[in-house]
């Protein structure tokens, strides 16, 4: 595995020589010591990207696309290795990294490989005698900060559209989970990406991440992470007024109406909150159920939660692995005490598993808590296998609860009434809505939120607008029109 910084096409140590251990959350054993970038390393990477930008941005778009397609092929050829590395570093069950994370990563690079030569401009109708057209140009040097919950997948979400549009990238993976991002950098070098086009620098957020946001030669910063850090990114970016794209926290409302198919609700809701141990910004962390079906649904939902197999993420039979760090596990468990303090009832879970084999790891049982919609556990992002349950009696009350947080990333609803489905979807204050399903994503579909969940969009053609800027060009095509206003 690669453990050094990737700058200008080579793996190199940090200038300071500083490293940080990346740990296996299954037992908190050390996997490797990874170089930690400082400000001087960021400067080196930005200089490399600046040197590479003219050639890369002027390369034929189809040629950029072909490199992204070759990278997708290389990811698939190394799928088992990448899946194991991701599971080892993050705690994702290998059944998920093999079947979801790695295929989605390859699919994203492939989608934007095909997008590279399809970024079109337009001709704008203006007064006679003039031609006005608009082109879309790359932003320049893009700083990207990837979180620790889906590092492999988010590396593709960030890099692929930026590169397809002709930008060069300086990326900081999370210090907790840098290994898969460095593995992607190694594959990029192998398939022929020019030196300097991509630079991957693990580092501490308050050092490397802060400097990426501040750097005067970085034209855009794209950040995925907490809302609190997102606000700091905006402040740090103001020096050169760089473009900012933020995909931040969420508190997903999952609304179940009285006519819902409860079998589908139970399965879809469990995936929505317990997949990846609930460490997802779009997690279905608030289950909002019509009072007429609440008892039956909860009985089934609790039974499923208690049947989930928790264990070593490298065991193919494991359904839920550990949280990614001990510190985060302790934070998630602290919300159990907060819930009880505010009168909430723990219906299931709420503690570490009673299994000696898991005692050294960062494990938390699937946790279901009955809480009021205004309680802290129903308002703050827990970011773990922790779901609150509340009930409603009318559609209006359901919407008021669903829209009653500062977040607006993802939301779901379950009903067999088509009219209600579309009406409620329109009224939910959320960047994404799932009807009779939850947590579906695709490289072709815009991903992002409103409110405290950030702004800008990942994925689809929408993200190409994030990584390009429009240029308006005016041409005087009539020799009889003077190139000035008449006196």
Protein backbone atom coordinates (compact mmCIF):
# COMPACT_ATOMS: atom_id res chain seq x y z
CA UNK A 1 0.00 0.00 0.00
CA UNK A 2 1.09 3.58 -0.61
CA UNK A 3 1.61 5.69 2.51
CA UNK A 4 3.37 8.82 1.22
CA UNK A 5 2.12 12.02 -0.37
CA UNK A 6 1.43 11.91 -4.12
CA UNK A 7 2.83 15.10 -5.64
CA UNK A 8 3.74 15.77 -9.29
CA UNK A 9 3.35 12.14 -10.27
CA UNK A 10 5.51 10.67 -7.49
CA UNK A 11 5.08 9.37 -3.96
CA UNK A 12 7.20 11.45 -1.60
CA UNK A 13 7.47 11.95 2.19
CA UNK A 14 6.19 15.10 3.84
CA UNK A 15 8.88 17.76 4.07
CA UNK A 16 8.49 17.76 7.84
CA UNK A 17 8.83 13.98 8.02
CA UNK A 18 5.63 13.85 10.08
CA UNK A 19 3.45 10.74 9.95
CA UNK A 20 0.25 9.57 11.60
CA UNK A 21 -0.90 6.02 12.24
CA UNK A 22 -3.98 4.86 10.36
CA UNK A 23 -5.81 2.28 12.47
CA UNK A 24 -7.97 -0.76 11.80
CA UNK A 25 -11.24 0.08 13.60
CA UNK A 26 -12.00 -3.61 14.07
CA UNK A 27 -9.34 -3.88 16.80
CA UNK A 28 -7.56 -0.47 16.78
CA UNK A 29 -4.34 -2.08 15.58
CA UNK A 30 -1.98 0.00 13.45
CA UNK A 31 -2.18 -0.56 9.69
CA UNK A 32 0.54 1.87 8.63
CA UNK A 33 2.22 5.19 9.32
CA UNK A 34 1.05 7.71 6.70
CA UNK A 35 2.79 10.96 5.76
CA UNK A 36 0.99 14.09 6.92
CA UNK A 37 1.16 17.10 4.60
CA UNK A 38 1.96 20.56 5.89
CA UNK A 39 1.63 23.97 4.27
CA UNK A 40 4.92 23.61 2.37
CA UNK A 41 3.73 20.31 0.88
CA UNK A 42 0.48 21.97 -0.25
CA UNK A 43 2.58 24.67 -1.94
CA UNK A 44 4.57 21.97 -3.76
CA UNK A 45 1.38 20.31 -4.96
CA UNK A 46 -0.18 23.59 -6.10
CA UNK A 47 3.00 24.46 -8.03
CA UNK A 48 2.88 21.06 -9.74
CA UNK A 49 -0.79 21.53 -10.62
CA UNK A 50 -0.13 25.03 -12.00
CA UNK A 51 2.64 23.67 -14.22
CA UNK A 52 0.40 20.88 -15.51
CA UNK A 53 -2.74 22.96 -16.02
CA UNK A 54 -2.02 24.57 -19.43
CA UNK A 55 -1.36 21.26 -21.17
CA UNK A 56 -4.14 19.37 -19.36
CA UNK A 57 -6.82 22.02 -19.92
CA UNK A 58 -5.90 22.31 -23.61
CA UNK A 59 -5.78 18.55 -24.17
CA UNK A 60 -8.54 17.27 -26.43
CA UNK A 61 -11.51 16.56 -24.21
CA UNK A 62 -11.88 13.07 -25.67
CA UNK A 63 -8.29 12.29 -24.65
CA UNK A 64 -8.99 13.37 -21.07
CA UNK A 65 -12.06 11.17 -21.19
CA UNK A 66 -10.07 8.17 -22.40
CA UNK A 67 -7.75 8.42 -19.40
CA UNK A 68 -10.73 8.43 -17.04
CA UNK A 69 -12.12 5.37 -18.83
CA UNK A 70 -8.77 3.59 -18.51
CA UNK A 71 -8.79 4.41 -14.80
CA UNK A 72 -12.27 2.88 -14.44
CA UNK A 73 -10.97 -0.30 -16.09
CA UNK A 74 -7.95 -0.35 -13.74
CA UNK A 75 -10.21 0.03 -10.69
CA UNK A 76 -12.27 -2.95 -11.79
CA UNK A 77 -9.11 -4.98 -12.46
CA UNK A 78 -7.94 -4.25 -8.89
CA UNK A 79 -11.38 -4.51 -7.29
CA UNK A 80 -10.56 -7.14 -4.68
CA UNK A 81 -7.47 -5.30 -3.47
CA UNK A 82 -9.30 -1.98 -3.27
CA UNK A 83 -12.28 -3.50 -1.47
CA UNK A 84 -10.07 -5.15 1.13
CA UNK A 85 -8.06 -1.95 1.67
CA UNK A 86 -11.24 0.10 2.12
CA UNK A 87 -12.68 -2.41 4.61
CA UNK A 88 -9.42 -2.57 6.54
CA UNK A 89 -9.11 1.21 6.85
CA UNK A 90 -12.75 2.23 7.35
CA UNK A 91 -14.57 -0.73 8.90
CA UNK A 92 -17.02 -1.07 6.00
CA UNK A 93 -18.09 -4.71 5.66
CA UNK A 94 -16.31 -6.22 2.69
CA UNK A 95 -19.62 -7.37 1.23
CA UNK A 96 -20.43 -3.65 0.83
CA UNK A 97 -17.03 -2.49 -0.42
CA UNK A 98 -17.03 -5.27 -3.03
CA UNK A 99 -20.63 -4.83 -4.15
CA UNK A 100 -21.16 -1.09 -3.71
CA UNK A 101 -18.10 1.07 -3.02
CA UNK A 102 -15.71 -0.27 -5.67
CA UNK A 103 -18.32 -0.66 -8.47
CA UNK A 104 -19.70 2.83 -7.76
CA UNK A 105 -16.17 4.27 -7.86
CA UNK A 106 -15.47 2.71 -11.25
CA UNK A 107 -18.90 3.75 -12.54
CA UNK A 108 -18.31 7.37 -11.56
CA UNK A 109 -14.97 7.62 -13.35
CA UNK A 110 -16.52 5.90 -16.37
CA UNK A 111 -19.54 8.22 -16.42
CA UNK A 112 -17.40 11.36 -16.37
CA UNK A 113 -14.97 9.85 -18.83
CA UNK A 114 -17.90 9.87 -21.22
CA UNK A 115 -18.90 13.36 -20.13
CA UNK A 116 -15.55 14.98 -20.90
CA UNK A 117 -16.26 15.72 -24.58
CA UNK A 118 -19.91 16.63 -24.08
CA UNK A 119 -19.54 19.95 -22.26
CA UNK A 120 -21.18 22.36 -24.69
CA UNK A 121 -21.53 26.11 -24.89
CA UNK A 122 -24.35 28.05 -26.49
CA UNK A 123 -25.15 30.85 -28.93
CA UNK A 124 -27.15 33.69 -27.42
CA UNK A 125 -29.61 35.73 -29.52
CA UNK A 126 -28.59 39.39 -29.32
CA UNK A 127 -29.08 42.42 -31.58
CA UNK A 128 -28.51 42.12 -35.32
CA UNK A 129 -24.92 42.43 -36.49
CA UNK A 130 -23.38 40.65 -33.52
CA UNK A 131 -22.61 37.06 -32.67
CA UNK A 132 -22.59 36.28 -28.96
CA UNK A 133 -21.57 32.83 -27.81
CA UNK A 134 -20.82 31.30 -24.44
CA UNK A 135 -18.14 28.71 -23.71
CA UNK A 136 -17.46 26.82 -20.50
CA UNK A 137 -13.87 26.78 -19.30
CA UNK A 138 -12.20 24.90 -16.42
CA UNK A 139 -11.93 26.78 -13.15
CA UNK A 140 -8.19 26.08 -12.77
CA UNK A 141 -6.58 24.51 -9.71
CA UNK A 142 -9.19 22.82 -7.55
CA UNK A 143 -8.72 21.94 -3.89
CA UNK A 144 -10.77 19.01 -2.67
CA UNK A 145 -11.31 17.64 0.85
CA UNK A 146 -12.68 14.09 1.15
CA UNK A 147 -14.30 12.73 4.35
CA UNK A 148 -13.60 9.47 6.15
CA UNK A 149 -16.95 7.73 5.77
CA UNK A 150 -16.75 6.75 2.05
CA UNK A 151 -13.19 7.75 1.07
CA UNK A 152 -12.90 5.59 -2.03
CA UNK A 153 -16.26 6.54 -3.48
CA UNK A 154 -15.95 10.22 -2.61
CA UNK A 155 -12.51 10.36 -4.24
CA UNK A 156 -14.23 9.52 -7.52
CA UNK A 157 -17.13 11.90 -6.89
CA UNK A 158 -14.70 14.76 -6.40
CA UNK A 159 -11.95 13.95 -8.90
CA UNK A 160 -13.84 12.63 -11.90
CA UNK A 161 -15.90 15.72 -12.88
CA UNK A 162 -13.06 18.11 -12.04
CA UNK A 163 -10.66 16.26 -14.34
CA UNK A 164 -13.24 15.76 -17.09
CA UNK A 165 -13.73 19.54 -17.18
CA UNK A 166 -9.97 20.16 -17.55
CA UNK A 167 -9.06 21.20 -14.01
CA UNK A 168 -6.05 20.04 -12.01
CA UNK A 169 -6.59 18.70 -8.51
CA UNK A 170 -5.01 19.01 -5.07
CA UNK A 171 -6.91 16.58 -2.84
CA UNK A 172 -6.74 15.98 0.91
CA UNK A 173 -8.20 12.66 2.04
CA UNK A 174 -9.16 12.35 5.70
CA UNK A 175 -6.27 11.56 8.00
CA UNK A 176 -8.29 8.64 9.45
CA UNK A 177 -8.78 6.87 6.10
CA UNK A 178 -6.20 7.89 3.47
CA UNK A 179 -5.24 4.51 2.00
CA UNK A 180 -7.80 4.04 -0.77
CA UNK A 181 -7.34 7.58 -2.11
CA UNK A 182 -3.59 6.97 -2.34
CA UNK A 183 -4.30 3.67 -4.11
CA UNK A 184 -6.36 5.55 -6.71
CA UNK A 185 -3.47 7.98 -7.21
CA UNK A 186 -1.16 5.03 -7.85
CA UNK A 187 -3.54 3.64 -10.49
CA UNK A 188 -3.79 7.08 -12.11
CA UNK A 189 -0.03 7.18 -12.52
CA UNK A 190 -0.07 3.66 -13.97
CA UNK A 191 -2.70 4.44 -16.63
CA UNK A 192 -0.88 7.59 -17.77
CA UNK A 193 -2.29 10.70 -16.13
CA UNK A 194 0.33 13.44 -16.61
CA UNK A 195 2.40 14.42 -13.59
CA UNK A 196 0.89 17.28 -11.58
CA UNK A 197 -2.67 16.85 -12.84
CA UNK A 198 -3.64 15.02 -9.65
CA UNK A 199 -1.98 15.45 -6.25
CA UNK A 200 -3.15 13.55 -3.15
CA UNK A 201 -1.96 14.76 0.24
CA UNK A 202 -3.21 13.22 3.49
CA UNK A 203 -3.05 15.72 6.32
CA UNK A 204 -4.78 17.16 9.33
CA UNK A 205 -7.87 19.20 8.64
CA UNK A 206 -6.83 22.25 10.64
CA UNK A 207 -3.45 22.30 8.85
CA UNK A 208 -3.67 20.95 5.30
CA UNK A 209 -7.42 21.40 4.86
CA UNK A 210 -7.31 24.93 6.20
CA UNK A 211 -4.46 25.90 3.89
CA UNK A 212 -6.18 24.41 0.83
CA UNK A 213 -9.18 26.63 1.61
CA UNK A 214 -6.92 29.67 2.09
CA UNK A 215 -4.43 29.13 -0.75
CA UNK A 216 -4.32 32.11 -3.12
CA UNK A 217 -3.57 29.96 -6.20
CA UNK A 218 -6.45 27.54 -5.68
CA UNK A 219 -9.50 28.75 -7.59
CA UNK A 220 -12.13 26.47 -6.08
CA UNK A 221 -12.52 24.29 -3.01
CA UNK A 222 -14.93 21.37 -2.82
CA UNK A 223 -15.56 20.02 0.67
CA UNK A 224 -17.57 17.13 2.06
CA UNK A 225 -17.87 16.96 5.83
CA UNK A 226 -19.56 18.50 8.82
CA UNK A 227 -21.55 21.72 8.72
CA UNK A 228 -19.32 23.29 11.38
CA UNK A 229 -16.17 22.73 9.31
CA UNK A 230 -18.00 23.83 6.16
CA UNK A 231 -18.57 27.24 7.72
CA UNK A 232 -14.83 27.49 8.46
CA UNK A 233 -14.06 26.57 4.84
CA UNK A 234 -16.21 29.47 3.62
CA UNK A 235 -14.43 31.90 5.91
CA UNK A 236 -10.98 30.66 4.92
CA UNK A 237 -11.82 30.87 1.21
CA UNK A 238 -12.60 34.58 1.28
CA UNK A 239 -9.02 35.73 0.74
CA UNK A 240 -9.11 35.22 -3.03
CA UNK A 241 -12.91 34.81 -3.26
CA UNK A 242 -12.52 31.26 -4.53
CA UNK A 243 -15.51 29.27 -5.67
CA UNK A 244 -16.85 27.00 -2.89
CA UNK A 245 -18.87 23.79 -3.11
CA UNK A 246 -20.13 22.23 0.13
CA UNK A 247 -21.76 18.87 0.80
CA UNK A 248 -22.40 18.96 4.53
CA UNK A 249 -24.43 17.26 7.23
CA UNK A 250 -27.91 15.82 7.14
CA UNK A 251 -30.72 14.61 9.35
CA UNK A 252 -32.71 12.56 6.88
CA UNK A 253 -36.46 12.42 7.38
CA UNK A 254 -37.97 9.03 6.51
CA UNK A 255 -41.76 9.45 6.47
CA UNK A 256 -44.04 6.39 6.55
CA UNK A 257 -47.69 6.96 5.68
CA UNK A 258 -50.51 4.66 6.76
CA UNK A 259 -50.86 3.01 3.33
CA UNK A 260 -47.17 2.15 2.97
CA UNK A 261 -45.93 -1.35 2.16
CA UNK A 262 -44.44 -2.15 5.56
CA UNK A 263 -42.27 -5.01 4.31
CA UNK A 264 -40.54 -2.60 1.94
CA UNK A 265 -40.38 0.11 4.61
CA UNK A 266 -38.59 -2.16 7.09
CA UNK A 267 -35.96 -3.29 4.60
CA UNK A 268 -35.43 0.11 2.99
CA UNK A 269 -35.30 1.97 6.30
CA UNK A 270 -32.78 -0.47 7.75
CA UNK A 271 -30.53 0.04 4.73
CA UNK A 272 -31.08 3.79 5.01
CA UNK A 273 -29.75 4.01 8.58
CA UNK A 274 -27.62 0.94 9.28
CA UNK A 275 -25.65 0.66 6.02
CA UNK A 276 -22.06 1.75 6.69
CA UNK A 277 -22.94 1.88 10.39
CA UNK A 278 -25.06 4.97 9.76
CA UNK A 279 -21.97 6.97 8.82
CA UNK A 280 -23.59 8.73 5.89
CA UNK A 281 -24.79 12.29 5.47
CA UNK A 282 -27.95 11.00 3.76
CA UNK A 283 -28.71 8.39 6.43
CA UNK A 284 -32.40 7.90 7.24
CA UNK A 285 -31.83 8.98 10.82
CA UNK A 286 -35.39 10.16 11.62
CA UNK A 287 -38.17 7.58 11.22
CA UNK A 288 -41.47 9.51 11.16
CA UNK A 289 -44.39 7.08 11.21
CA UNK A 290 -48.16 7.46 10.98
CA UNK A 291 -49.62 6.56 14.37
CA UNK A 292 -51.93 3.91 12.91
CA UNK A 293 -49.04 1.71 11.74
CA UNK A 294 -46.35 2.71 14.24
CA UNK A 295 -46.66 -0.30 16.56
CA UNK A 296 -46.60 -2.89 13.79
CA UNK A 297 -43.73 -1.19 11.95
CA UNK A 298 -41.61 -0.79 15.07
CA UNK A 299 -42.05 -4.43 16.05
CA UNK A 300 -40.72 -5.51 12.65
CA UNK A 301 -38.02 -2.85 12.50
CA UNK A 302 -36.64 -3.66 15.95
CA UNK A 303 -36.60 -7.38 15.13
CA UNK A 304 -34.59 -6.72 11.97
CA UNK A 305 -32.15 -4.41 13.78
CA UNK A 306 -31.50 -7.06 16.42
CA UNK A 307 -30.84 -9.68 13.72
CA UNK A 308 -28.08 -7.72 11.98
CA UNK A 309 -24.79 -9.59 12.16
CA UNK A 310 -22.08 -7.36 13.64
CA UNK A 311 -18.46 -8.41 13.25
CA UNK A 312 -15.10 -8.25 11.53
CA UNK A 313 -15.55 -6.24 8.32
CA UNK A 314 -13.27 -8.65 6.44
CA UNK A 315 -15.69 -11.52 7.15
CA UNK A 316 -17.99 -11.82 4.09
CA UNK A 317 -20.93 -12.70 6.35
CA UNK A 318 -20.67 -9.47 8.39
CA UNK A 319 -23.56 -7.08 7.81
CA UNK A 320 -22.42 -4.21 10.05
CA UNK A 321 -18.84 -3.39 10.98
CA UNK A 322 -17.26 -0.95 13.44
CA UNK A 323 -17.46 2.81 13.35
CA UNK A 324 -14.35 4.33 11.83
CA UNK A 325 -12.67 5.54 15.03
CA UNK A 326 -12.81 5.15 18.80
CA UNK A 327 -13.41 8.88 19.24
CA UNK A 328 -16.41 8.76 16.94
CA UNK A 329 -17.79 5.63 18.61
CA UNK A 330 -17.70 7.42 21.96
CA UNK A 331 -19.44 10.43 20.44
CA UNK A 332 -22.26 8.27 19.05
CA UNK A 333 -22.75 6.50 22.38
CA UNK A 334 -22.89 9.88 24.15
CA UNK A 335 -26.15 10.56 22.31
CA UNK A 336 -27.76 7.63 24.12
CA UNK A 337 -27.27 9.52 27.40
CA UNK A 338 -28.52 12.73 25.79
CA UNK A 339 -31.66 10.93 24.62
CA UNK A 340 -32.41 9.57 28.09
CA UNK A 341 -31.79 12.97 29.68
CA UNK A 342 -34.49 14.47 27.45
CA UNK A 343 -37.02 11.72 28.12
CA UNK A 344 -36.28 9.50 25.14
CA UNK A 345 -36.68 5.71 25.33
CA UNK A 346 -34.05 3.34 23.97
CA UNK A 347 -36.06 0.68 22.15
CA UNK A 348 -33.07 -1.33 20.97
CA UNK A 349 -29.28 -1.17 21.11
CA UNK A 350 -27.67 1.85 22.70
CA UNK A 351 -24.41 0.17 23.68
CA UNK A 352 -21.39 -1.72 22.42
CA UNK A 353 -22.00 -5.38 21.53
CA UNK A 354 -21.51 -7.91 24.33
CA UNK A 355 -18.99 -9.94 22.33
CA UNK A 356 -15.44 -10.50 23.53
CA UNK A 357 -14.16 -10.72 19.95
CA UNK A 358 -15.28 -7.14 19.33
CA UNK A 359 -14.18 -5.63 22.64
CA UNK A 360 -11.13 -3.82 21.21
CA UNK A 361 -13.01 -2.36 18.27
CA UNK A 362 -15.20 0.67 17.59
CA UNK A 363 -18.54 -1.16 17.57
CA UNK A 364 -22.03 0.10 18.42
CA UNK A 365 -25.23 -1.91 18.24
CA UNK A 366 -28.00 -0.73 15.88
CA UNK A 367 -29.79 1.79 18.08
CA UNK A 368 -33.47 2.80 17.92
CA UNK A 369 -34.73 5.60 20.18
CA UNK A 370 -38.26 6.95 20.64
CA UNK A 371 -37.89 10.73 20.89
CA UNK A 372 -39.75 13.97 20.44
CA UNK A 373 -39.06 15.76 17.13
CA UNK A 374 -37.56 18.68 19.04
CA UNK A 375 -35.13 16.59 21.12
CA UNK A 376 -31.42 17.02 20.43
CA UNK A 377 -31.11 13.48 19.11
CA UNK A 378 -33.77 14.31 16.50
CA UNK A 379 -32.15 17.62 15.57
CA UNK A 380 -28.38 17.00 15.63
CA UNK A 381 -26.48 14.73 13.27
CA UNK A 382 -25.34 11.67 15.24
CA UNK A 383 -23.66 10.02 12.21
CA UNK A 384 -23.95 6.49 13.46
CA UNK A 385 -26.34 3.50 13.56
CA UNK A 386 -28.76 5.62 15.56
CA UNK A 387 -32.33 6.35 14.46
CA UNK A 388 -35.03 8.33 16.27
CA UNK A 389 -38.70 7.41 15.97
CA UNK A 390 -41.66 9.79 16.23
CA UNK A 391 -45.28 9.60 15.09
CA UNK A 392 -47.76 11.86 13.29
CA UNK A 393 -51.50 11.95 12.68
CA UNK A 394 -51.82 14.11 9.54
CA UNK A 395 -49.85 14.85 6.38
CA UNK A 396 -49.37 18.43 7.54
CA UNK A 397 -47.87 17.28 10.82
CA UNK A 398 -45.57 14.85 9.00
CA UNK A 399 -44.24 17.66 6.81
CA UNK A 400 -43.76 19.97 9.76
CA UNK A 401 -41.65 17.33 11.52
CA UNK A 402 -39.71 16.41 8.38
CA UNK A 403 -38.87 20.04 7.61
CA UNK A 404 -38.22 20.88 11.26
CA UNK A 405 -34.40 20.79 11.28
CA UNK A 406 -31.71 23.07 9.87
CA UNK A 407 -30.65 20.36 7.41
CA UNK A 408 -32.00 19.64 3.96
CA UNK A 409 -29.97 16.92 2.25
CA UNK A 410 -31.98 13.74 1.75
CA UNK A 411 -35.50 12.64 2.68
CA UNK A 412 -37.70 9.64 1.96
CA UNK A 413 -41.40 8.86 1.98
CA UNK A 414 -43.40 5.66 1.73
CA UNK A 415 -46.93 5.61 0.32
CA UNK A 416 -48.98 3.90 -2.38
CA UNK A 417 -50.89 7.13 -3.10
CA UNK A 418 -49.29 8.61 -6.23
CA UNK A 419 -50.81 12.07 -5.77
CA UNK A 420 -49.61 12.27 -2.17
CA UNK A 421 -46.15 11.04 -3.16
CA UNK A 422 -45.55 13.85 -5.64
CA UNK A 423 -47.18 16.52 -3.48
CA UNK A 424 -45.11 15.63 -0.40
CA UNK A 425 -41.92 15.32 -2.45
CA UNK A 426 -42.45 18.87 -3.68
CA UNK A 427 -43.03 20.18 -0.16
CA UNK A 428 -40.07 18.48 1.50
CA UNK A 429 -37.22 20.94 2.07
CA UNK A 430 -34.51 18.66 0.76
CA UNK A 431 -32.07 18.46 -2.13
CA UNK A 432 -32.99 14.82 -2.77
CA UNK A 433 -36.18 12.85 -2.16
CA UNK A 434 -36.68 9.09 -2.41
CA UNK A 435 -40.20 7.66 -2.85
CA UNK A 436 -40.70 4.05 -1.72
CA UNK A 437 -36.94 3.59 -1.50
CA UNK A 438 -34.05 5.27 0.26
CA UNK A 439 -30.41 6.22 -0.34
CA UNK A 440 -30.29 5.54 -4.07
CA UNK A 441 -27.42 7.32 -5.88
CA UNK A 442 -26.12 7.38 -9.45
CA UNK A 443 -23.31 9.23 -11.24
CA UNK A 444 -26.02 10.69 -13.49
CA UNK A 445 -28.19 12.12 -10.70
CA UNK A 446 -27.44 15.41 -8.89
CA UNK A 447 -26.46 14.98 -5.23
CA UNK A 448 -26.55 17.81 -2.70
CA UNK A 449 -28.66 19.76 -0.27
CA UNK A 450 -30.01 23.04 1.00
CA UNK A 451 -29.81 24.93 4.29
CA UNK A 452 -27.15 23.65 6.68
CA UNK A 453 -26.53 20.75 4.29
CA UNK A 454 -24.55 23.03 2.00
CA UNK A 455 -24.76 24.19 -1.59
CA UNK A 456 -23.66 23.08 -5.02
CA UNK A 457 -24.17 19.62 -6.47
CA UNK A 458 -22.11 16.50 -6.98
CA UNK A 459 -22.80 14.16 -9.92
CA UNK A 460 -24.76 14.46 -13.16
CA UNK A 461 -24.40 17.35 -15.57
CA UNK A 462 -25.08 19.75 -12.70
CA UNK A 463 -21.60 19.14 -11.30
CA UNK A 464 -19.99 20.18 -14.58
CA UNK A 465 -21.32 23.67 -13.90
CA UNK A 466 -19.54 23.52 -10.55
CA UNK A 467 -16.18 22.77 -12.18
CA UNK A 468 -16.44 25.18 -15.12
CA UNK A 469 -17.05 28.89 -15.53
CA UNK A 470 -18.91 30.56 -18.39
CA UNK A 471 -17.21 32.98 -20.77
CA UNK A 472 -19.30 35.27 -22.99
CA UNK A 473 -17.71 36.25 -26.33
CA UNK A 474 -19.05 39.06 -28.53
CA UNK A 475 -18.17 39.30 -32.23
CA UNK A 476 -19.05 42.20 -34.54
CA UNK A 477 -20.00 40.41 -37.78
CA UNK A 478 -21.35 43.42 -39.70
CA UNK A 479 -18.76 45.77 -41.21
CA UNK A 480 -21.36 48.55 -41.36
CA UNK A 481 -21.75 48.66 -37.59
CA UNK A 482 -19.07 50.77 -35.93
CA UNK A 483 -17.27 49.15 -32.98
CA UNK A 484 -18.52 51.96 -30.69
CA UNK A 485 -21.74 53.68 -29.75
CA UNK A 486 -22.53 56.58 -32.13
CA UNK A 487 -22.13 60.09 -30.70
